[in-house]
C-alpha cells in the first residue's frame, strides 16, 4: 500500500536516512502517481541529498497536481534558492505564503531572497557561494557529508546524443533526435536550468535536465524541432564564456566576451568536446541526411519541387511562380520564355473540371 510506504518514508526522514526515504516515496508514487503530497515529500528528500534539479521537478509536479499545496511551493523555493535562482525562488515562496500566511518559514526565506537579489544586482561577476536556506539545519548538511559514498554504478548510454556551441550572447544546444513529433517534446527554461523531455508513445521516455554553467534569460530562449534534431537557443544573462554546458563546482572567474570584437570571420567555439571536430562537415552531413530522407506521396512530390526551385535560376523561379498561380495550381512550368508573355490557363487532370473559386 502506498500509505504504508509513505509512513516508512517519514520514519526514514526522522532517522536522517534520506536516500531510503526517496526510494520509498518513489515506490509509493508508482502506486499513486497523482498524489501531490508524495512528490512534495520526495522533493524534500532530494533537497537533503542535494539533488536540486530533481527536487525542482518534484515540486513542480506537486504544484501541477495540487496548486493549493503550500509545502510544494516551500520545496520549490528552497531548491531554487540553493540553485541561486533567486527570482524563481521568491515567486514560488510568495505564492506559498499566500496559501499559508501563518508559516514563518515563507517570510524568512522571502527576506533572504530579497537580500540575495539585491547583492546580485551590485555584483559585477555573477558567482556567489551556495547559501543554506533557513529552514535547513547546518547539522543536516554535516550529516549529509558523513553519508557513506555510493558504490559505483553502470552508466547507461543516453538515448540521444547532444552537443553545444556558443556565441558571445547565446548558447546553442542540439539534441540529435530524428523524426520526433513536436507534441512529444517539452522544453522548459529556468534562470539556470534547462529541462528537455521526449515522450513518444511505446518508447522509453528521454529526459535531459541540467543546471547550466551560467544564467540565462528564459523569456528570450526558444527551440525548434527539425526532422533530424532539436535545436535549442539559450540567451545568456551575461556575455561571459561558458567553459562547459553544465554547472561545475570548480569556481573559475568567467571571461567576459567583448561582442564588438567578434567579427564574422571568427567561428563559434565548441567547448563540449576535447576532440577537434569539423563542424562544417557535420553540418553538411546533417543536410545530406535531410536531403536523402525517404518520403512518400505528396510529401515526396513537394520535396521534389522544392529541390527544383532551390537549384533554379531566377527566370526558372519566376516561371514556376507565375504558372502555378495563374493556373490555380494545375500547371508548373520552368520555361520563362513560354509563360512570361502570356497568361497561363488552367489545365485540370483528365475527367476533372476546373472551377473558379468563389469568395
Protein backbone atom coordinates (compact mmCIF):
# COMPACT_ATOMS: atom_id res chain seq x y z
CA UNK A 1 0.00 0.00 0.00
CA UNK A 2 1.21 3.49 -0.82
CA UNK A 3 0.21 4.73 2.64
CA UNK A 4 2.49 2.15 4.29
CA UNK A 5 5.41 3.22 2.12
CA UNK A 6 4.68 6.86 2.93
CA UNK A 7 4.72 6.11 6.67
CA UNK A 8 8.04 4.26 6.36
CA UNK A 9 9.47 7.21 4.40
CA UNK A 10 8.54 9.59 7.24
CA UNK A 11 10.35 7.30 9.68
CA UNK A 12 13.40 7.35 7.39
CA UNK A 13 13.33 11.17 7.42
CA UNK A 14 13.35 11.16 11.23
CA UNK A 15 16.39 8.88 11.17
CA UNK A 16 18.09 11.07 8.54
CA UNK A 17 18.06 8.20 6.04
CA UNK A 18 17.24 10.44 3.11
CA UNK A 19 18.20 8.03 0.33
CA UNK A 20 15.89 5.40 1.79
CA UNK A 21 13.10 7.99 2.13
CA UNK A 22 13.43 8.98 -1.54
CA UNK A 23 13.39 5.31 -2.60
CA UNK A 24 10.27 4.56 -0.54
CA UNK A 25 8.47 7.62 -1.87
CA UNK A 26 9.36 6.64 -5.44
CA UNK A 27 7.73 3.26 -4.83
CA UNK A 28 4.66 4.98 -3.39
CA UNK A 29 4.46 7.29 -6.43
CA UNK A 30 4.42 4.25 -8.72
CA UNK A 31 1.31 3.08 -6.84
CA UNK A 32 -0.35 6.52 -6.56
CA UNK A 33 1.10 8.71 -9.35
CA UNK A 34 -1.46 11.51 -8.85
CA UNK A 35 -0.88 12.22 -5.16
CA UNK A 36 0.79 15.63 -4.87
CA UNK A 37 2.00 15.13 -1.27
CA UNK A 38 4.26 12.25 -2.34
CA UNK A 39 6.09 14.45 -4.86
CA UNK A 40 6.43 17.29 -2.34
CA UNK A 41 7.91 14.91 0.25
CA UNK A 42 10.28 13.38 -2.27
CA UNK A 43 11.38 16.90 -3.21
CA UNK A 44 12.41 17.42 0.42
CA UNK A 45 14.44 14.20 0.32
CA UNK A 46 16.16 15.33 -2.86
CA UNK A 47 16.95 18.71 -1.26
CA UNK A 48 18.61 16.91 1.66
CA UNK A 49 20.64 14.83 -0.81
CA UNK A 50 21.49 17.98 -2.81
CA UNK A 51 19.69 16.61 -5.89
CA UNK A 52 18.36 20.09 -6.54
CA UNK A 53 17.14 19.87 -10.14
CA UNK A 54 15.25 16.66 -9.24
CA UNK A 55 13.76 18.50 -6.25
CA UNK A 56 12.51 21.32 -8.50
CA UNK A 57 10.98 18.78 -10.90
CA UNK A 58 9.17 17.02 -8.00
CA UNK A 59 7.92 20.32 -6.58
CA UNK A 60 6.62 21.40 -10.00
CA UNK A 61 4.77 18.09 -10.36
CA UNK A 62 3.22 18.52 -6.90
CA UNK A 63 2.08 22.03 -7.83
CA UNK A 64 0.65 20.74 -11.10
CA UNK A 65 -1.37 18.09 -9.23
CA UNK A 66 -2.42 20.38 -6.35
CA UNK A 67 -1.86 24.13 -6.83
CA UNK A 68 -3.08 24.77 -3.27
CA UNK A 69 -0.39 22.71 -1.51
CA UNK A 70 1.82 25.16 0.46
CA UNK A 71 4.72 22.79 1.10
CA UNK A 72 5.15 22.21 -2.65
CA UNK A 73 5.96 25.91 -3.04
CA UNK A 74 8.22 25.76 0.02
CA UNK A 75 10.19 22.89 -1.53
CA UNK A 76 10.49 24.66 -4.88
CA UNK A 77 11.56 27.91 -3.22
CA UNK A 78 14.17 26.15 -1.09
CA UNK A 79 15.65 24.21 -4.03
CA UNK A 80 15.72 27.25 -6.32
CA UNK A 81 17.36 29.29 -3.56
CA UNK A 82 20.17 26.72 -3.34
CA UNK A 83 20.44 26.79 -7.14
CA UNK A 84 20.86 30.59 -6.90
CA UNK A 85 17.67 31.12 -8.90
CA UNK A 86 16.53 33.82 -6.52
CA UNK A 87 13.73 35.36 -8.62
CA UNK A 88 12.13 31.95 -9.27
CA UNK A 89 12.51 31.04 -5.60
CA UNK A 90 10.88 34.28 -4.45
CA UNK A 91 7.92 33.86 -6.84
CA UNK A 92 7.23 30.33 -5.52
CA UNK A 93 7.61 31.38 -1.88
CA UNK A 94 5.24 34.33 -2.28
CA UNK A 95 2.52 32.01 -3.60
CA UNK A 96 3.16 29.61 -0.72
CA UNK A 97 2.98 32.46 1.79
CA UNK A 98 -0.42 33.50 0.42
CA UNK A 99 -1.66 29.92 0.96
CA UNK A 100 -0.12 29.58 4.42
CA UNK A 101 0.25 33.10 5.91
CA UNK A 102 0.99 31.79 9.43
CA UNK A 103 4.10 29.84 8.36
CA UNK A 104 7.17 31.94 9.31
CA UNK A 105 9.50 29.98 7.03
CA UNK A 106 7.98 31.63 3.98
CA UNK A 107 8.58 35.10 5.43
CA UNK A 108 12.18 34.31 6.38
CA UNK A 109 13.05 32.78 3.02
CA UNK A 110 11.47 35.65 1.07
CA UNK A 111 13.61 38.10 3.09
CA UNK A 112 16.67 36.03 2.25
CA UNK A 113 15.74 36.10 -1.44
CA UNK A 114 15.37 39.89 -1.36
CA UNK A 115 18.78 40.22 0.26
CA UNK A 116 20.49 37.95 -2.28
CA UNK A 117 18.74 39.59 -5.23
CA UNK A 118 19.96 42.99 -4.01
CA UNK A 119 23.52 41.67 -3.58
CA UNK A 120 23.41 40.11 -7.02
CA UNK A 121 22.37 43.43 -8.56
CA UNK A 122 25.58 45.05 -7.33
CA UNK A 123 27.87 42.14 -8.22
CA UNK A 124 29.88 42.53 -11.40
CA UNK A 125 30.66 38.84 -11.74
CA UNK A 126 27.65 36.56 -11.11
CA UNK A 127 29.41 33.95 -8.99
CA UNK A 128 28.35 33.50 -5.38
CA UNK A 129 28.83 30.90 -2.69
CA UNK A 130 25.96 28.49 -2.16
CA UNK A 131 23.51 29.66 0.50
CA UNK A 132 21.88 27.42 3.10
CA UNK A 133 18.13 28.08 3.28
CA UNK A 134 16.97 29.00 6.78
CA UNK A 135 14.67 26.03 7.13
CA UNK A 136 17.74 23.75 6.87
CA UNK A 137 19.78 22.91 9.94
CA UNK A 138 23.59 23.10 9.43
CA UNK A 139 23.66 19.79 11.29
CA UNK A 140 21.78 18.25 8.39
CA UNK A 141 24.49 19.42 6.00
CA UNK A 142 27.20 17.91 8.16
CA UNK A 143 25.29 14.64 8.35
CA UNK A 144 24.92 14.68 4.59
CA UNK A 145 28.71 14.96 4.23
CA UNK A 146 29.12 11.99 6.58
CA UNK A 147 26.95 9.71 4.43
CA UNK A 148 28.87 6.73 3.01
CA UNK A 149 29.95 7.01 -0.59
CA UNK A 150 27.65 5.40 -3.12
CA UNK A 151 29.02 2.28 -4.79
CA UNK A 152 29.92 2.75 -8.47
CA UNK A 153 27.04 2.03 -10.81
CA UNK A 154 26.92 1.35 -14.53
CA UNK A 155 26.08 4.44 -16.56
CA UNK A 156 23.62 3.86 -19.37
CA UNK A 157 24.37 5.50 -22.69
CA UNK A 158 21.91 8.36 -23.35
CA UNK A 159 19.21 7.59 -25.87
CA UNK A 160 20.03 10.72 -27.88
CA UNK A 161 23.38 12.43 -28.38
CA UNK A 162 23.70 16.16 -27.67
CA UNK A 163 26.27 18.85 -28.45
CA UNK A 164 26.55 22.59 -27.83
CA UNK A 165 28.41 25.61 -29.08
CA UNK A 166 28.30 29.24 -28.07
CA UNK A 167 28.35 32.79 -29.34
CA UNK A 168 29.09 35.91 -27.26
CA UNK A 169 25.44 36.28 -26.23
CA UNK A 170 23.98 32.85 -26.93
CA UNK A 171 24.43 29.12 -26.36
CA UNK A 172 23.02 26.66 -28.91
CA UNK A 173 22.24 23.12 -27.71
CA UNK A 174 21.50 20.42 -30.28
CA UNK A 175 19.85 17.10 -29.42
CA UNK A 176 20.13 14.66 -32.31
CA UNK A 177 16.69 13.02 -32.22
CA UNK A 178 15.22 12.11 -35.61
CA UNK A 179 11.58 12.34 -36.65
CA UNK A 180 10.18 13.19 -33.21
CA UNK A 181 6.66 14.72 -33.26
CA UNK A 182 6.64 18.24 -31.85
CA UNK A 183 3.80 17.37 -29.46
CA UNK A 184 6.02 14.70 -27.86
CA UNK A 185 8.67 17.26 -26.87
CA UNK A 186 8.61 19.50 -23.80
CA UNK A 187 11.32 22.13 -23.24
CA UNK A 188 11.36 24.30 -20.11
CA UNK A 189 13.74 27.14 -19.23
CA UNK A 190 14.67 28.33 -15.72
CA UNK A 191 17.10 31.03 -14.63
CA UNK A 192 19.89 28.43 -14.72
CA UNK A 193 18.07 25.21 -15.64
CA UNK A 194 17.34 23.55 -18.97
CA UNK A 195 14.84 20.68 -19.00
CA UNK A 196 14.04 18.64 -22.11
CA UNK A 197 11.72 15.63 -22.14
CA UNK A 198 10.72 13.44 -25.07
CA UNK A 199 7.73 11.15 -24.58
CA UNK A 200 6.94 9.06 -27.65
CA UNK A 201 4.14 6.51 -27.11
CA UNK A 202 5.53 3.00 -26.90
CA UNK A 203 9.10 4.12 -26.21
CA UNK A 204 11.10 4.83 -23.07
CA UNK A 205 10.95 8.48 -22.02
CA UNK A 206 14.06 10.62 -22.55
CA UNK A 207 14.83 13.34 -20.01
CA UNK A 208 17.71 15.80 -20.22
CA UNK A 209 17.70 18.15 -17.23
CA UNK A 210 20.76 20.05 -16.12
CA UNK A 211 21.89 23.04 -14.15
CA UNK A 212 23.60 25.28 -16.69
CA UNK A 213 27.06 26.80 -16.41
CA UNK A 214 25.64 30.31 -16.30
CA UNK A 215 22.33 32.10 -16.01
CA UNK A 216 20.04 32.65 -18.99
CA UNK A 217 17.07 34.85 -19.89
CA UNK A 218 14.17 32.32 -20.05
CA UNK A 219 11.76 34.66 -21.83
CA UNK A 220 14.20 35.06 -24.75
CA UNK A 221 15.08 31.38 -25.12
CA UNK A 222 13.47 29.28 -27.83
CA UNK A 223 13.69 25.91 -29.56
CA UNK A 224 12.93 24.44 -32.97
CA UNK A 225 12.03 20.85 -33.86
CA UNK A 226 13.59 19.71 -37.15
CA UNK A 227 13.45 16.36 -38.91
CA UNK A 228 16.87 15.27 -37.62
CA UNK A 229 17.35 17.24 -34.41
CA UNK A 230 16.03 19.59 -31.74
CA UNK A 231 17.83 22.94 -31.73
CA UNK A 232 17.64 24.98 -28.51
CA UNK A 233 18.88 28.57 -28.33
CA UNK A 234 19.67 29.96 -24.86
CA UNK A 235 20.23 33.68 -24.38
CA UNK A 236 22.98 34.36 -21.86
CA UNK A 237 22.15 36.67 -18.97
CA UNK A 238 25.73 37.96 -19.25
CA UNK A 239 28.17 37.85 -22.14
CA UNK A 240 30.66 35.52 -20.46
CA UNK A 241 32.43 32.47 -21.88
CA UNK A 242 30.95 29.14 -20.74
CA UNK A 243 33.74 26.60 -20.24
CA UNK A 244 31.11 23.82 -20.24
CA UNK A 245 27.37 23.41 -20.71
CA UNK A 246 26.74 22.21 -17.17
CA UNK A 247 27.47 23.94 -13.88
CA UNK A 248 30.69 22.93 -12.14
CA UNK A 249 31.66 23.36 -8.50
CA UNK A 250 35.16 24.41 -9.54
CA UNK A 251 34.57 28.15 -9.36
CA UNK A 252 36.52 29.90 -12.11
CA UNK A 253 36.20 33.59 -12.85
CA UNK A 254 34.44 33.66 -16.24
CA UNK A 255 35.92 35.71 -19.03
CA UNK A 256 33.67 38.43 -20.38
CA UNK A 257 33.26 38.36 -24.14
CA UNK A 258 33.52 41.66 -25.99
CA UNK A 259 30.81 41.20 -28.60
CA UNK A 260 32.06 44.16 -30.66
CA UNK A 261 35.41 42.44 -31.13
CA UNK A 262 33.86 39.33 -32.60
CA UNK A 263 33.82 39.54 -36.37
CA UNK A 264 32.03 37.45 -38.93
CA UNK A 265 35.33 35.74 -39.76
CA UNK A 266 35.55 34.24 -36.27
CA UNK A 267 33.88 30.89 -35.98
CA UNK A 268 31.97 29.97 -32.77
CA UNK A 269 33.83 27.92 -30.15
CA UNK A 270 32.76 24.37 -29.39
CA UNK A 271 33.98 23.51 -25.90
CA UNK A 272 31.76 20.47 -25.39
CA UNK A 273 34.44 18.01 -26.56
CA UNK A 274 38.17 17.66 -26.09
CA UNK A 275 38.49 16.33 -29.63
CA UNK A 276 38.80 18.61 -32.64
CA UNK A 277 35.67 18.36 -34.72
CA UNK A 278 34.99 19.55 -38.24
CA UNK A 279 31.62 21.20 -37.62
CA UNK A 280 31.23 22.24 -41.26
CA UNK A 281 31.48 18.57 -42.17
CA UNK A 282 28.94 17.60 -39.51
CA UNK A 283 26.51 20.30 -40.71
CA UNK A 284 26.94 19.10 -44.30
CA UNK A 285 26.26 15.53 -43.17
CA UNK A 286 23.03 16.58 -41.43
CA UNK A 287 21.89 18.46 -44.53
CA UNK A 288 22.70 15.40 -46.65
CA UNK A 289 20.60 13.21 -44.34
CA UNK A 290 17.70 15.65 -44.67
CA UNK A 291 18.10 15.65 -48.46
CA UNK A 292 18.28 11.84 -48.68
CA UNK A 293 15.29 11.35 -46.39
CA UNK A 294 12.80 8.94 -47.97
CA UNK A 295 9.30 10.39 -48.29
CA UNK A 296 6.06 9.12 -49.81
CA UNK A 297 3.08 10.61 -51.64
CA UNK A 298 2.54 14.38 -51.58
CA UNK A 299 5.47 14.90 -49.23
CA UNK A 300 7.86 13.33 -51.76
CA UNK A 301 6.37 15.40 -54.59
CA UNK A 302 6.63 18.64 -52.62
CA UNK A 303 10.22 17.84 -51.73
CA UNK A 304 10.99 17.24 -55.42
CA UNK A 305 9.52 20.62 -56.42
CA UNK A 306 11.36 22.39 -53.58
CA UNK A 307 14.68 20.97 -54.78
CA UNK A 308 13.98 22.12 -58.35
CA UNK A 309 13.11 25.63 -57.11
CA UNK A 310 16.10 25.80 -54.76
CA UNK A 311 18.63 24.96 -57.52
CA UNK A 312 16.92 27.00 -60.26
CA UNK A 313 17.99 30.33 -61.75
CA UNK A 314 15.88 33.50 -61.43
CA UNK A 315 13.97 33.01 -64.71
CA UNK A 316 13.06 29.44 -63.85
CA UNK A 317 11.76 30.51 -60.43
CA UNK A 318 9.68 33.29 -61.99
CA UNK A 319 8.20 30.81 -64.47
CA UNK A 320 7.31 28.35 -61.71
CA UNK A 321 5.62 31.03 -59.60
CA UNK A 322 3.67 32.61 -62.48
CA UNK A 323 2.45 29.34 -63.98
CA UNK A 324 1.40 27.87 -60.65
CA UNK A 325 -0.53 30.97 -59.52
CA UNK A 326 -2.25 31.78 -62.81
CA UNK A 327 -3.31 28.17 -63.46
CA UNK A 328 -4.75 27.76 -59.94
CA UNK A 329 -2.15 25.14 -59.11
CA UNK A 330 -2.72 22.91 -62.18
CA UNK A 331 0.36 23.89 -64.22
CA UNK A 332 4.01 24.17 -63.16
CA UNK A 333 6.35 25.39 -65.91
CA UNK A 334 10.08 26.10 -65.77
CA UNK A 335 10.22 27.85 -69.16
CA UNK A 336 10.02 31.62 -68.69
CA UNK A 337 10.14 32.30 -72.45
CA UNK A 338 6.99 30.23 -72.85
CA UNK A 339 4.92 31.61 -69.96
CA UNK A 340 6.41 35.07 -69.43
CA UNK A 341 4.49 36.82 -72.21
CA UNK A 342 1.04 35.29 -71.75
CA UNK A 343 -1.42 34.21 -69.11
CA UNK A 344 -1.18 30.55 -68.15
CA UNK A 345 -4.53 28.84 -68.43
CA UNK A 346 -5.56 26.12 -66.01
CA UNK A 347 -5.21 22.51 -67.17
CA UNK A 348 -7.09 20.09 -64.87
CA UNK A 349 -6.41 16.31 -64.99
CA UNK A 350 -8.48 14.15 -67.32
CA UNK A 351 -12.02 13.61 -66.10
CA UNK A 352 -11.99 16.68 -63.88
CA UNK A 353 -13.42 20.16 -64.36
CA UNK A 354 -11.71 23.42 -63.44
CA UNK A 355 -13.97 25.73 -61.44
CA UNK A 356 -13.25 29.28 -60.34
CA UNK A 357 -13.10 29.72 -56.57
CA UNK A 358 -15.92 31.87 -55.19
CA UNK A 359 -15.13 34.03 -52.16
